[in-house]
């Protein structure tokens, strides 16, 4: 599937899917020309980003 199709399936932006592919977070994904190809059975990777402003109200 394409990055756009994965984005719709996983409910994230296609830009985020492309970043995950570039960073090697999606097993089996590869770049074909200018587009990434992702296996249809690929699972959405866990979000490893950290929050900078995690303020808790007291």
N, C-alpha and C. Protein backbone atom coordinates (compact mmCIF):
# COMPACT_ATOMS: atom_id res chain seq x y z
N UNK A 1 0.85 -1.17 0.00
CA UNK A 1 0.00 0.00 0.00
C UNK A 1 0.89 1.23 0.00
N UNK A 2 0.33 2.36 -0.32
CA UNK A 2 1.07 3.62 -0.35
C UNK A 2 1.07 4.28 1.03
N UNK A 3 1.88 5.31 1.18
CA UNK A 3 1.91 6.05 2.45
C UNK A 3 0.54 6.67 2.73
N UNK A 4 -0.12 7.15 1.70
CA UNK A 4 -1.45 7.75 1.87
C UNK A 4 -2.46 6.71 2.34
N UNK A 5 -2.42 5.52 1.78
CA UNK A 5 -3.33 4.46 2.19
C UNK A 5 -3.06 4.03 3.63
N UNK A 6 -1.79 3.93 4.00
CA UNK A 6 -1.43 3.58 5.38
C UNK A 6 -1.89 4.66 6.34
N UNK A 7 -1.75 5.92 5.94
CA UNK A 7 -2.18 7.04 6.78
C UNK A 7 -3.67 6.97 7.06
N UNK A 8 -4.45 6.68 6.05
CA UNK A 8 -5.89 6.56 6.24
C UNK A 8 -6.24 5.36 7.13
N UNK A 9 -5.56 4.25 6.91
CA UNK A 9 -5.80 3.03 7.69
C UNK A 9 -5.46 3.24 9.16
N UNK A 10 -4.33 3.93 9.43
CA UNK A 10 -3.83 4.11 10.79
C UNK A 10 -4.28 5.42 11.44
N UNK A 11 -5.03 6.24 10.70
CA UNK A 11 -5.54 7.51 11.20
C UNK A 11 -4.42 8.47 11.64
N UNK A 12 -3.38 8.57 10.80
CA UNK A 12 -2.30 9.53 11.01
C UNK A 12 -2.03 10.21 9.68
N UNK A 13 -1.18 11.23 9.68
CA UNK A 13 -0.90 11.95 8.43
C UNK A 13 0.03 11.14 7.53
N UNK A 14 -0.08 11.39 6.22
CA UNK A 14 0.81 10.69 5.30
C UNK A 14 2.25 11.14 5.51
N UNK A 15 2.46 12.36 5.96
CA UNK A 15 3.81 12.85 6.27
C UNK A 15 4.42 12.02 7.41
N UNK A 16 3.62 11.73 8.42
CA UNK A 16 4.11 10.92 9.55
C UNK A 16 4.46 9.51 9.08
N UNK A 17 3.67 8.95 8.18
CA UNK A 17 3.96 7.63 7.64
C UNK A 17 5.29 7.65 6.89
N UNK A 18 5.52 8.69 6.09
CA UNK A 18 6.77 8.79 5.35
C UNK A 18 7.97 8.93 6.28
N UNK A 19 7.82 9.67 7.38
CA UNK A 19 8.89 9.80 8.37
C UNK A 19 9.17 8.45 9.01
N UNK A 20 8.13 7.72 9.36
CA UNK A 20 8.30 6.39 9.95
C UNK A 20 9.02 5.45 8.98
N UNK A 21 8.68 5.53 7.70
CA UNK A 21 9.36 4.71 6.69
C UNK A 21 10.83 5.10 6.59
N UNK A 22 11.10 6.39 6.53
CA UNK A 22 12.47 6.87 6.41
C UNK A 22 13.32 6.45 7.59
N UNK A 23 12.72 6.45 8.78
CA UNK A 23 13.43 6.08 10.00
C UNK A 23 13.51 4.57 10.22
N UNK A 24 12.92 3.79 9.30
CA UNK A 24 12.99 2.33 9.41
C UNK A 24 12.08 1.74 10.46
N UNK A 25 11.01 2.45 10.82
CA UNK A 25 10.09 2.00 11.86
C UNK A 25 9.00 1.06 11.34
N UNK A 26 8.86 0.96 10.02
CA UNK A 26 7.84 0.09 9.44
C UNK A 26 8.57 -1.04 8.70
N UNK A 27 8.57 -2.25 9.28
CA UNK A 27 9.27 -3.37 8.66
C UNK A 27 8.70 -3.69 7.27
N UNK A 28 9.59 -3.89 6.32
CA UNK A 28 9.18 -4.26 4.97
C UNK A 28 8.89 -3.08 4.06
N UNK A 29 8.88 -1.87 4.59
CA UNK A 29 8.62 -0.69 3.76
C UNK A 29 9.87 -0.37 2.94
N UNK A 30 9.66 0.05 1.71
CA UNK A 30 10.78 0.42 0.85
C UNK A 30 10.37 1.56 -0.07
N UNK A 31 11.37 2.26 -0.57
CA UNK A 31 11.10 3.39 -1.44
C UNK A 31 11.20 2.92 -2.89
N UNK A 32 10.18 3.23 -3.65
CA UNK A 32 10.15 2.91 -5.07
C UNK A 32 9.99 4.22 -5.83
N UNK A 33 11.08 4.68 -6.41
CA UNK A 33 11.06 6.01 -7.04
C UNK A 33 11.00 7.06 -5.95
N UNK A 34 9.94 7.86 -5.96
CA UNK A 34 9.76 8.90 -4.94
C UNK A 34 8.76 8.50 -3.86
N UNK A 35 8.14 7.33 -4.02
CA UNK A 35 7.08 6.92 -3.10
C UNK A 35 7.49 5.71 -2.29
N UNK A 36 6.98 5.64 -1.06
CA UNK A 36 7.20 4.48 -0.22
C UNK A 36 6.11 3.44 -0.47
N UNK A 37 6.51 2.20 -0.44
CA UNK A 37 5.58 1.07 -0.53
C UNK A 37 5.62 0.34 0.80
N UNK A 38 4.45 0.06 1.34
CA UNK A 38 4.33 -0.54 2.67
C UNK A 38 3.54 -1.83 2.54
N UNK A 39 4.01 -2.92 3.17
CA UNK A 39 3.26 -4.18 3.10
C UNK A 39 1.84 -4.00 3.64
N UNK A 40 0.89 -4.64 3.00
CA UNK A 40 -0.51 -4.51 3.40
C UNK A 40 -0.76 -5.01 4.81
N UNK A 41 0.05 -5.94 5.28
CA UNK A 41 -0.15 -6.49 6.62
C UNK A 41 0.69 -5.77 7.68
N UNK A 42 1.34 -4.67 7.31
CA UNK A 42 2.17 -3.92 8.26
C UNK A 42 1.31 -3.33 9.37
N UNK A 43 1.84 -3.39 10.59
CA UNK A 43 1.14 -2.84 11.74
C UNK A 43 1.64 -1.41 12.00
N UNK A 44 0.76 -0.58 12.53
CA UNK A 44 1.14 0.78 12.88
C UNK A 44 2.16 0.72 14.02
N UNK A 45 3.33 1.35 13.83
CA UNK A 45 4.33 1.33 14.90
C UNK A 45 3.90 2.19 16.08
N UNK A 46 4.41 1.86 17.25
CA UNK A 46 4.11 2.65 18.45
C UNK A 46 4.69 4.06 18.27
N UNK A 47 4.01 5.03 18.83
CA UNK A 47 4.47 6.41 18.74
C UNK A 47 5.55 6.65 19.78
N UNK A 48 6.79 6.74 19.33
CA UNK A 48 7.92 6.91 20.22
C UNK A 48 8.29 8.35 20.49
N UNK A 49 7.50 9.28 19.97
CA UNK A 49 7.82 10.70 20.19
C UNK A 49 7.55 11.08 21.64
N UNK A 50 8.34 12.01 22.13
CA UNK A 50 8.16 12.50 23.49
C UNK A 50 7.48 13.86 23.46
N UNK A 51 6.70 14.11 24.48
CA UNK A 51 6.03 15.41 24.60
C UNK A 51 6.96 16.36 25.32
N UNK A 52 7.07 17.57 24.81
CA UNK A 52 7.95 18.57 25.42
C UNK A 52 7.27 19.30 26.56
N UNK A 53 6.01 19.63 26.40
CA UNK A 53 5.29 20.41 27.39
C UNK A 53 4.22 19.57 28.06
N UNK A 54 4.66 18.66 28.89
CA UNK A 54 3.72 17.79 29.59
C UNK A 54 3.45 18.39 30.97
N UNK A 55 2.68 19.48 30.96
CA UNK A 55 2.38 20.18 32.21
C UNK A 55 1.18 19.54 32.89
N UNK A 56 1.32 19.33 34.17
CA UNK A 56 0.22 18.77 34.94
C UNK A 56 -0.34 19.85 35.85
N UNK A 57 -1.63 19.98 35.86
CA UNK A 57 -2.25 20.98 36.73
C UNK A 57 -2.45 20.38 38.12
N UNK A 58 -2.28 21.21 39.11
CA UNK A 58 -2.43 20.73 40.50
C UNK A 58 -3.58 21.39 41.18
